[in-house]
Amino acid sequence: MDGIQKHGKCKNHNANNNYDGVSMKIALVTGADGFIGSHLVEMLVDKGYKVKALSHYNSFNNWGWIEDIKCKEKIEILTGDIRDPHYCK
C-alpha cells in the first residue's frame, strides 16, 4: 500500500484534482444518452472537463441524444450497463 494513505486517497492527490502538478478534470456521466445527461456532457466539455459518457447498451447501437451533440468527437463514449458489476470494474 505504498501510494495509498488513509481514506483510500492517492499520496500525490490533493483537493484540486492535481496529480504530480498536472491538473485533471475528469467526469463520468451516466445516462449520458438521455436529454439531461447529454446537455450535462456538453456543459462539462465547455468547462474543460475530459468527459466519459456512459450510454446504456441497446441492440441498435444507438447513443440516443449523444448522437446529435456538437462535441461528440471530444468525449469518450462507453456503451454498457451501470448495473453490470463486471462492466463497472
PDB file of N, CA and C in Angstrom:
ATOM      1  N   MET A   1       0.850  -1.195   0.000  1.00  0.00           N
ATOM      2  CA  MET A   1       0.000   0.000   0.000  1.00  0.00           C
ATOM      3  C   MET A   1       0.882   1.241   0.000  1.00  0.00           C
ATOM      4  N   ASP A   2       1.839   1.227  -0.891  1.00  0.00           N
ATOM      5  CA  ASP A   2       2.833   2.270  -0.940  1.00  0.00           C
ATOM      6  C   ASP A   2       2.249   3.642  -1.269  1.00  0.00           C
ATOM      7  N   GLY A   3       1.383   3.754  -2.296  1.00  0.00           N
ATOM      8  CA  GLY A   3       0.880   5.053  -2.724  1.00  0.00           C
ATOM      9  C   GLY A   3      -0.451   5.432  -2.111  1.00  0.00           C
ATOM     10  N   ILE A   4      -0.926   4.691  -1.108  1.00  0.00           N
ATOM     11  CA  ILE A   4      -2.258   4.960  -0.563  1.00  0.00           C
ATOM     12  C   ILE A   4      -2.149   5.400   0.888  1.00  0.00           C
ATOM     13  N   GLN A   5      -2.890   6.442   1.226  1.00  0.00           N
ATOM     14  CA  GLN A   5      -2.962   6.905   2.592  1.00  0.00           C
ATOM     15  C   GLN A   5      -4.336   6.572   3.150  1.00  0.00           C
ATOM     16  N   LYS A   6      -4.661   7.112   4.304  1.00  0.00           N
ATOM     17  CA  LYS A   6      -5.975   6.904   4.896  1.00  0.00           C
ATOM     18  C   LYS A   6      -7.072   7.346   3.937  1.00  0.00           C
ATOM     19  N   HIS A   7      -8.219   6.741   4.056  1.00  0.00           N
ATOM     20  CA  HIS A   7      -9.421   7.056   3.298  1.00  0.00           C
ATOM     21  C   HIS A   7      -9.277   6.730   1.820  1.00  0.00           C
ATOM     22  N   GLY A   8      -8.293   5.927   1.421  1.00  0.00           N
ATOM     23  CA  GLY A   8      -8.167   5.463   0.051  1.00  0.00           C
ATOM     24  C   GLY A   8      -7.700   6.514  -0.947  1.00  0.00           C
ATOM     25  N   LYS A   9      -7.163   7.647  -0.494  1.00  0.00           N
ATOM     26  CA  LYS A   9      -6.709   8.673  -1.425  1.00  0.00           C
ATOM     27  C   LYS A   9      -5.269   8.406  -1.840  1.00  0.00           C
ATOM     28  N   CYS A  10      -4.954   8.757  -3.076  1.00  0.00           N
ATOM     29  CA  CYS A  10      -3.600   8.597  -3.564  1.00  0.00           C
ATOM     30  C   CYS A  10      -2.684   9.581  -2.855  1.00  0.00           C
ATOM     31  N   LYS A  11      -1.465   9.184  -2.677  1.00  0.00           N
ATOM     32  CA  LYS A  11      -0.478  10.009  -1.992  1.00  0.00           C
ATOM     33  C   LYS A  11      -0.270  11.338  -2.703  1.00  0.00           C
ATOM     34  N   ASN A  12      -0.267  11.342  -4.035  1.00  0.00           N
ATOM     35  CA  ASN A  12       0.029  12.544  -4.803  1.00  0.00           C
ATOM     36  C   ASN A  12      -1.220  13.339  -5.165  1.00  0.00           C
ATOM     37  N   HIS A  13      -2.336  13.029  -4.563  1.00  0.00           N
ATOM     38  CA  HIS A  13      -3.611  13.667  -4.879  1.00  0.00           C
ATOM     39  C   HIS A  13      -3.891  14.774  -3.876  1.00  0.00           C
ATOM     40  N   ASN A  14      -4.423  15.906  -4.371  1.00  0.00           N
ATOM     41  CA  ASN A  14      -4.885  16.939  -3.448  1.00  0.00           C
ATOM     42  C   ASN A  14      -6.296  17.360  -3.823  1.00  0.00           C
ATOM     43  N   ALA A  15      -6.853  18.303  -3.109  1.00  0.00           N
ATOM     44  CA  ALA A  15      -8.260  18.675  -3.272  1.00  0.00           C
ATOM     45  C   ALA A  15      -8.572  19.273  -4.644  1.00  0.00           C
ATOM     46  N   ASN A  16      -7.572  19.742  -5.382  1.00  0.00           N
ATOM     47  CA  ASN A  16      -7.804  20.351  -6.689  1.00  0.00           C
ATOM     48  C   ASN A  16      -7.688  19.362  -7.837  1.00  0.00           C
ATOM     49  N   ASN A  17      -7.733  18.065  -7.547  1.00  0.00           N
ATOM     50  CA  ASN A  17      -7.600  17.018  -8.561  1.00  0.00           C
ATOM     51  C   ASN A  17      -6.293  17.127  -9.319  1.00  0.00           C
ATOM     52  N   ASN A  18      -5.224  17.474  -8.641  1.00  0.00           N
ATOM     53  CA  ASN A  18      -3.909  17.534  -9.258  1.00  0.00           C
ATOM     54  C   ASN A  18      -3.145  16.274  -8.915  1.00  0.00           C
ATOM     55  N   TYR A  19      -2.498  15.701  -9.909  1.00  0.00           N
ATOM     56  CA  TYR A  19      -1.637  14.554  -9.722  1.00  0.00           C
ATOM     57  C   TYR A  19      -0.249  14.968 -10.162  1.00  0.00           C
ATOM     58  N   ASP A  20       0.656  15.074  -9.218  1.00  0.00           N
ATOM     59  CA  ASP A  20       2.029  15.492  -9.508  1.00  0.00           C
ATOM     60  C   ASP A  20       2.073  16.798 -10.304  1.00  0.00           C
ATOM     61  N   GLY A  21       1.227  17.731  -9.983  1.00  0.00           N
ATOM     62  CA  GLY A  21       1.241  19.040 -10.610  1.00  0.00           C
ATOM     63  C   GLY A  21       0.464  19.153 -11.916  1.00  0.00           C
ATOM     64  N   VAL A  22      -0.112  18.075 -12.405  1.00  0.00           N
ATOM     65  CA  VAL A  22      -0.879  18.113 -13.655  1.00  0.00           C
ATOM     66  C   VAL A  22      -2.360  18.157 -13.305  1.00  0.00           C
ATOM     67  N   SER A  23      -3.041  19.189 -13.758  1.00  0.00           N
ATOM     68  CA  SER A  23      -4.470  19.342 -13.461  1.00  0.00           C
ATOM     69  C   SER A  23      -5.276  18.376 -14.316  1.00  0.00           C
ATOM     70  N   MET A  24      -6.171  17.614 -13.669  1.00  0.00           N
ATOM     71  CA  MET A  24      -7.012  16.658 -14.381  1.00  0.00           C
ATOM     72  C   MET A  24      -8.449  16.844 -13.933  1.00  0.00           C
ATOM     73  N   LYS A  25      -9.293  17.242 -14.854  1.00  0.00           N
ATOM     74  CA  LYS A  25     -10.711  17.335 -14.554  1.00  0.00           C
ATOM     75  C   LYS A  25     -11.410  16.290 -15.407  1.00  0.00           C
ATOM     76  N   ILE A  26     -11.832  15.208 -14.766  1.00  0.00           N
ATOM     77  CA  ILE A  26     -12.471  14.104 -15.467  1.00  0.00           C
ATOM     78  C   ILE A  26     -13.858  13.890 -14.881  1.00  0.00           C
ATOM     79  N   ALA A  27     -14.836  13.685 -15.763  1.00  0.00           N
ATOM     80  CA  ALA A  27     -16.198  13.434 -15.300  1.00  0.00           C
ATOM     81  C   ALA A  27     -16.758  12.210 -16.008  1.00  0.00           C
ATOM     82  N   LEU A  28     -17.413  11.351 -15.257  1.00  0.00           N
ATOM     83  CA  LEU A  28     -18.170  10.238 -15.814  1.00  0.00           C
ATOM     84  C   LEU A  28     -19.643  10.609 -15.707  1.00  0.00           C
ATOM     85  N   VAL A  29     -20.320  10.642 -16.841  1.00  0.00           N
ATOM     86  CA  VAL A  29     -21.752  10.970 -16.860  1.00  0.00           C
ATOM     87  C   VAL A  29     -22.511   9.698 -17.202  1.00  0.00           C
ATOM     88  N   THR A  30     -23.273   9.191 -16.240  1.00  0.00           N
ATOM     89  CA  THR A  30     -24.139   8.048 -16.511  1.00  0.00           C
ATOM     90  C   THR A  30     -25.467   8.588 -17.035  1.00  0.00           C
ATOM     91  N   GLY A  31     -26.094   7.831 -17.904  1.00  0.00           N
ATOM     92  CA  GLY A  31     -27.330   8.319 -18.515  1.00  0.00           C
ATOM     93  C   GLY A  31     -27.063   9.414 -19.520  1.00  0.00           C
ATOM     94  N   ALA A  32     -25.862   9.430 -20.070  1.00  0.00           N
ATOM     95  CA  ALA A  32     -25.467  10.488 -20.999  1.00  0.00           C
ATOM     96  C   ALA A  32     -26.258  10.462 -22.292  1.00  0.00           C
ATOM     97  N   ASP A  33     -26.897   9.349 -22.582  1.00  0.00           N
ATOM     98  CA  ASP A  33     -27.671   9.247 -23.821  1.00  0.00           C
ATOM     99  C   ASP A  33     -29.059   9.858 -23.694  1.00  0.00           C
ATOM    100  N   GLY A  34     -29.416  10.311 -22.514  1.00  0.00           N
ATOM    101  CA  GLY A  34     -30.714  10.955 -22.302  1.00  0.00           C
ATOM    102  C   GLY A  34     -30.637  12.461 -22.492  1.00  0.00           C
ATOM    103  N   PHE A  35     -31.772  13.104 -22.383  1.00  0.00           N
ATOM    104  CA  PHE A  35     -31.865  14.551 -22.603  1.00  0.00           C
ATOM    105  C   PHE A  35     -30.998  15.334 -21.624  1.00  0.00           C
ATOM    106  N   ILE A  36     -31.191  15.095 -20.343  1.00  0.00           N
ATOM    107  CA  ILE A  36     -30.440  15.838 -19.326  1.00  0.00           C
ATOM    108  C   ILE A  36     -28.964  15.461 -19.361  1.00  0.00           C
ATOM    109  N   GLY A  37     -28.671  14.165 -19.467  1.00  0.00           N
ATOM    110  CA  GLY A  37     -27.285  13.709 -19.488  1.00  0.00           C
ATOM    111  C   GLY A  37     -26.500  14.272 -20.652  1.00  0.00           C
ATOM    112  N   SER A  38     -27.106  14.327 -21.828  1.00  0.00           N
ATOM    113  CA  SER A  38     -26.399  14.854 -22.998  1.00  0.00           C
ATOM    114  C   SER A  38     -26.103  16.340 -22.853  1.00  0.00           C
ATOM    115  N   HIS A  39     -27.014  17.085 -22.259  1.00  0.00           N
ATOM    116  CA  HIS A  39     -26.767  18.507 -22.020  1.00  0.00           C
ATOM    117  C   HIS A  39     -25.704  18.707 -20.944  1.00  0.00           C
ATOM    118  N   LEU A  40     -25.680  17.827 -19.960  1.00  0.00           N
ATOM    119  CA  LEU A  40     -24.631  17.879 -18.941  1.00  0.00           C
ATOM    120  C   LEU A  40     -23.268  17.601 -19.573  1.00  0.00           C
ATOM    121  N   VAL A  41     -23.198  16.636 -20.476  1.00  0.00           N
ATOM    122  CA  VAL A  41     -21.954  16.330 -21.190  1.00  0.00           C
ATOM    123  C   VAL A  41     -21.457  17.572 -21.924  1.00  0.00           C
ATOM    124  N   GLU A  42     -22.330  18.233 -22.665  1.00  0.00           N
ATOM    125  CA  GLU A  42     -21.938  19.444 -23.399  1.00  0.00           C
ATOM    126  C   GLU A  42     -21.432  20.530 -22.462  1.00  0.00           C
ATOM    127  N   MET A  43     -22.106  20.728 -21.346  1.00  0.00           N
ATOM    128  CA  MET A  43     -21.701  21.755 -20.397  1.00  0.00           C
ATOM    129  C   MET A  43     -20.321  21.455 -19.806  1.00  0.00           C
ATOM    130  N   LEU A  44     -20.086  20.181 -19.439  1.00  0.00           N
ATOM    131  CA  LEU A  44     -18.807  19.806 -18.861  1.00  0.00           C
ATOM    132  C   LEU A  44     -17.668  19.956 -19.863  1.00  0.00           C
ATOM    133  N   VAL A  45     -17.899  19.596 -21.114  1.00  0.00           N
ATOM    134  CA  VAL A  45     -16.872  19.775 -22.152  1.00  0.00           C
ATOM    135  C   VAL A  45     -16.568  21.260 -22.321  1.00  0.00           C
ATOM    136  N   ASP A  46     -17.590  22.099 -22.329  1.00  0.00           N
ATOM    137  CA  ASP A  46     -17.394  23.546 -22.441  1.00  0.00           C
ATOM    138  C   ASP A  46     -16.583  24.103 -21.281  1.00  0.00           C
ATOM    139  N   LYS A  47     -16.684  23.463 -20.115  1.00  0.00           N
ATOM    140  CA  LYS A  47     -15.943  23.917 -18.928  1.00  0.00           C
ATOM    141  C   LYS A  47     -14.548  23.301 -18.835  1.00  0.00           C
ATOM    142  N   GLY A  48     -14.171  22.489 -19.838  1.00  0.00           N
ATOM    143  CA  GLY A  48     -12.817  21.957 -19.883  1.00  0.00           C
ATOM    144  C   GLY A  48     -12.619  20.574 -19.297  1.00  0.00           C
ATOM    145  N   TYR A  49     -13.686  19.882 -18.984  1.00  0.00           N
ATOM    146  CA  TYR A  49     -13.572  18.536 -18.429  1.00  0.00           C
ATOM    147  C   TYR A  49     -13.297  17.513 -19.525  1.00  0.00           C
ATOM    148  N   LYS A  50     -12.556  16.471 -19.176  1.00  0.00           N
ATOM    149  CA  LYS A  50     -12.463  15.284 -20.019  1.00  0.00           C
ATOM    150  C   LYS A  50     -13.667  14.440 -19.623  1.00  0.00           C
ATOM    151  N   VAL A  51     -14.560  14.164 -20.564  1.00  0.00           N
ATOM    152  CA  VAL A  51     -15.824  13.518 -20.240  1.00  0.00           C
ATOM    153  C   VAL A  51     -15.854  12.094 -20.775  1.00  0.00           C
ATOM    154  N   LYS A  52     -16.268  11.185 -19.903  1.00  0.00           N
ATOM    155  CA  LYS A  52     -16.585   9.822 -20.287  1.00  0.00           C
ATOM    156  C   LYS A  52     -18.096   9.693 -20.155  1.00  0.00           C
ATOM    157  N   ALA A  53     -18.740   9.414 -21.278  1.00  0.00           N
ATOM    158  CA  ALA A  53     -20.203   9.371 -21.323  1.00  0.00           C
ATOM    159  C   ALA A  53     -20.660   7.928 -21.404  1.00  0.00           C
ATOM    160  N   LEU A  54     -21.413   7.486 -20.405  1.00  0.00           N
ATOM    161  CA  LEU A  54     -21.924   6.117 -20.386  1.00  0.00           C
ATOM    162  C   LEU A  54     -23.319   6.085 -20.999  1.00  0.00           C
ATOM    163  N   SER A  55     -23.430   5.314 -22.066  1.00  0.00           N
ATOM    164  CA  SER A  55     -24.700   5.139 -22.759  1.00  0.00           C
ATOM    165  C   SER A  55     -25.158   3.707 -22.536  1.00  0.00           C
ATOM    166  N   HIS A  56     -26.423   3.534 -22.201  1.00  0.00           N
ATOM    167  CA  HIS A  56     -26.958   2.192 -21.976  1.00  0.00           C
ATOM    168  C   HIS A  56     -26.944   1.420 -23.286  1.00  0.00           C
ATOM    169  N   TYR A  57     -26.378   0.216 -23.251  1.00  0.00           N
ATOM    170  CA  TYR A  57     -26.284  -0.600 -24.460  1.00  0.00           C
ATOM    171  C   TYR A  57     -27.668  -0.956 -24.989  1.00  0.00           C
ATOM    172  N   ASN A  58     -27.828  -0.886 -26.303  1.00  0.00           N
ATOM    173  CA  ASN A  58     -29.032  -1.401 -26.946  1.00  0.00           C
ATOM    174  C   ASN A  58     -28.621  -2.089 -28.245  1.00  0.00           C
ATOM    175  N   SER A  59     -29.441  -2.979 -28.730  1.00  0.00           N
ATOM    176  CA  SER A  59     -29.084  -3.791 -29.897  1.00  0.00           C
ATOM    177  C   SER A  59     -28.989  -2.983 -31.191  1.00  0.00           C
ATOM    178  N   PHE A  60     -29.468  -1.759 -31.194  1.00  0.00           N
ATOM    179  CA  PHE A  60     -29.370  -0.899 -32.377  1.00  0.00           C
ATOM    180  C   PHE A  60     -28.078  -0.104 -32.406  1.00  0.00           C
ATOM    181  N   ASN A  61     -27.273  -0.210 -31.327  1.00  0.00           N
ATOM    182  CA  ASN A  61     -26.029   0.549 -31.176  1.00  0.00           C
ATOM    183  C   ASN A  61     -26.286   2.044 -31.361  1.00  0.00           C
ATOM    184  N   ASN A  62     -27.373   2.503 -30.776  1.00  0.00           N
ATOM    185  CA  ASN A  62     -27.765   3.905 -30.852  1.00  0.00           C
ATOM    186  C   ASN A  62     -27.373   4.587 -29.547  1.00  0.00           C
ATOM    187  N   TRP A  63     -26.770   5.778 -29.654  1.00  0.00           N
ATOM    188  CA  TRP A  63     -26.342   6.519 -28.469  1.00  0.00           C
ATOM    189  C   TRP A  63     -27.356   7.571 -28.035  1.00  0.00           C
ATOM    190  N   GLY A  64     -28.572   7.502 -28.506  1.00  0.00           N
ATOM    191  CA  GLY A  64     -29.615   8.430 -28.080  1.00  0.00           C
ATOM    192  C   GLY A  64     -29.270   9.878 -28.386  1.00  0.00           C
ATOM    193  N   TRP A  65     -29.443  10.743 -27.410  1.00  0.00           N
ATOM    194  CA  TRP A  65     -29.216  12.184 -27.564  1.00  0.00           C
ATOM    195  C   TRP A  65     -27.752  12.517 -27.842  1.00  0.00           C
ATOM    196  N   ILE A  66     -26.825  11.626 -27.480  1.00  0.00           N
ATOM    197  CA  ILE A  66     -25.400  11.892 -27.727  1.00  0.00           C
ATOM    198  C   ILE A  66     -25.112  11.926 -29.229  1.00  0.00           C
ATOM    199  N   GLU A  67     -25.917  11.236 -30.019  1.00  0.00           N
ATOM    200  CA  GLU A  67     -25.721  11.204 -31.468  1.00  0.00           C
ATOM    201  C   GLU A  67     -25.659  12.611 -32.075  1.00  0.00           C
ATOM    202  N   ASP A  68     -26.391  13.552 -31.483  1.00  0.00           N
ATOM    203  CA  ASP A  68     -26.546  14.875 -32.088  1.00  0.00           C
ATOM    204  C   ASP A  68     -25.799  16.003 -31.384  1.00  0.00           C
ATOM    205  N   ILE A  69     -24.978  15.702 -30.380  1.00  0.00           N
ATOM    206  CA  ILE A  69     -24.286  16.802 -29.700  1.00  0.00           C
ATOM    207  C   ILE A  69     -23.085  17.246 -30.531  1.00  0.00           C
ATOM    208  N   LYS A  70     -22.740  18.511 -30.396  1.00  0.00           N
ATOM    209  CA  LYS A  70     -21.682  19.085 -31.231  1.00  0.00           C
ATOM    210  C   LYS A  70     -20.275  18.699 -30.782  1.00  0.00           C
ATOM    211  N   CYS A  71     -20.123  18.191 -29.575  1.00  0.00           N
ATOM    212  CA  CYS A  71     -18.796  17.861 -29.053  1.00  0.00           C
ATOM    213  C   CYS A  71     -18.542  16.356 -29.008  1.00  0.00           C
ATOM    214  N   LYS A  72     -19.235  15.597 -29.828  1.00  0.00           N
ATOM    215  CA  LYS A  72     -19.146  14.136 -29.788  1.00  0.00           C
ATOM    216  C   LYS A  72     -17.719  13.635 -29.986  1.00  0.00           C
ATOM    217  N   GLU A  73     -16.933  14.307 -30.823  1.00  0.00           N
ATOM    218  CA  GLU A  73     -15.567  13.870 -31.074  1.00  0.00           C
ATOM    219  C   GLU A  73     -14.610  14.204 -29.928  1.00  0.00           C
ATOM    220  N   LYS A  74     -15.059  14.991 -28.969  1.00  0.00           N
ATOM    221  CA  LYS A  74     -14.217  15.383 -27.831  1.00  0.00           C
ATOM    222  C   LYS A  74     -14.447  14.519 -26.594  1.00  0.00           C
ATOM    223  N   ILE A  75     -15.381  13.576 -26.659  1.00  0.00           N
ATOM    224  CA  ILE A  75     -15.709  12.769 -25.482  1.00  0.00           C
ATOM    225  C   ILE A  75     -15.430  11.296 -25.755  1.00  0.00           C
ATOM    226  N   GLU A  76     -15.328  10.536 -24.684  1.00  0.00           N
ATOM    227  CA  GLU A  76     -15.212   9.086 -24.797  1.00  0.00           C
ATOM    228  C   GLU A  76     -16.580   8.501 -24.475  1.00  0.00           C
ATOM    229  N   ILE A  77     -17.152   7.780 -25.426  1.00  0.00           N
ATOM    230  CA  ILE A  77     -18.472   7.197 -25.228  1.00  0.00           C
ATOM    231  C   ILE A  77     -18.306   5.727 -24.885  1.00  0.00           C
ATOM    232  N   LEU A  78     -18.854   5.352 -23.748  1.00  0.00           N
ATOM    233  CA  LEU A  78     -18.820   3.972 -23.279  1.00  0.00           C
ATOM    234  C   LEU A  78     -20.221   3.401 -23.388  1.00  0.00           C
ATOM    235  N   THR A  79     -20.340   2.215 -23.953  1.00  0.00           N
ATOM    236  CA  THR A  79     -21.636   1.577 -24.081  1.00  0.00           C
ATOM    237  C   THR A  79     -21.691   0.381 -23.143  1.00  0.00           C
ATOM    238  N   GLY A  80     -22.621   0.392 -22.216  1.00  0.00           N
ATOM    239  CA  GLY A  80     -22.727  -0.695 -21.254  1.00  0.00           C
ATOM    240  C   GLY A  80     -23.893  -0.467 -20.319  1.00  0.00           C
ATOM    241  N   ASP A  81     -23.862  -1.168 -19.204  1.00  0.00           N
ATOM    242  CA  ASP A  81     -24.935  -1.079 -18.218  1.00  0.00           C
ATOM    243  C   ASP A  81     -24.311  -0.856 -16.844  1.00  0.00           C
ATOM    244  N   ILE A  82     -24.665   0.237 -16.214  1.00  0.00           N
ATOM    245  CA  ILE A  82     -24.118   0.586 -14.893  1.00  0.00           C
ATOM    246  C   ILE A  82     -24.463  -0.463 -13.843  1.00  0.00           C
ATOM    247  N   ARG A  83     -25.505  -1.248 -14.095  1.00  0.00           N
ATOM    248  CA  ARG A  83     -25.910  -2.283 -13.135  1.00  0.00           C
ATOM    249  C   ARG A  83     -25.109  -3.563 -13.262  1.00  0.00           C
ATOM    250  N   ASP A  84     -24.267  -3.663 -14.287  1.00  0.00           N
ATOM    251  CA  ASP A  84     -23.460  -4.850 -14.527  1.00  0.00           C
ATOM    252  C   ASP A  84     -22.153  -4.743 -13.745  1.00  0.00           C
ATOM    253  N   PRO A  85     -21.972  -5.534 -12.697  1.00  0.00           N
ATOM    254  CA  PRO A  85     -20.770  -5.400 -11.866  1.00  0.00           C
ATOM    255  C   PRO A  85     -19.490  -5.759 -12.622  1.00  0.00           C
ATOM    256  N   HIS A  86     -19.567  -6.589 -13.637  1.00  0.00           N
ATOM    257  CA  HIS A  86     -18.372  -6.960 -14.398  1.00  0.00           C
ATOM    258  C   HIS A  86     -17.963  -5.816 -15.339  1.00  0.00           C
ATOM    259  N   TYR A  87     -18.926  -5.064 -15.813  1.00  0.00           N
ATOM    260  CA  TYR A  87     -18.627  -3.926 -16.703  1.00  0.00           C
ATOM    261  C   TYR A  87     -17.998  -2.776 -15.924  1.00  0.00           C
ATOM    262  N   CYS A  88     -18.415  -2.590 -14.700  1.00  0.00           N
ATOM    263  CA  CYS A  88     -18.023  -1.413 -13.922  1.00  0.00           C
ATOM    264  C   CYS A  88     -16.762  -1.618 -13.090  1.00  0.00           C
ATOM    265  N   LYS A  89     -15.981  -2.601 -13.381  1.00  0.00           N
ATOM    266  CA  LYS A  89     -14.741  -2.817 -12.622  1.00  0.00           C
ATOM    267  C   LYS A  89     -13.700  -1.812 -12.980  1.00  0.00           C
TER     268      LYS A  89
END
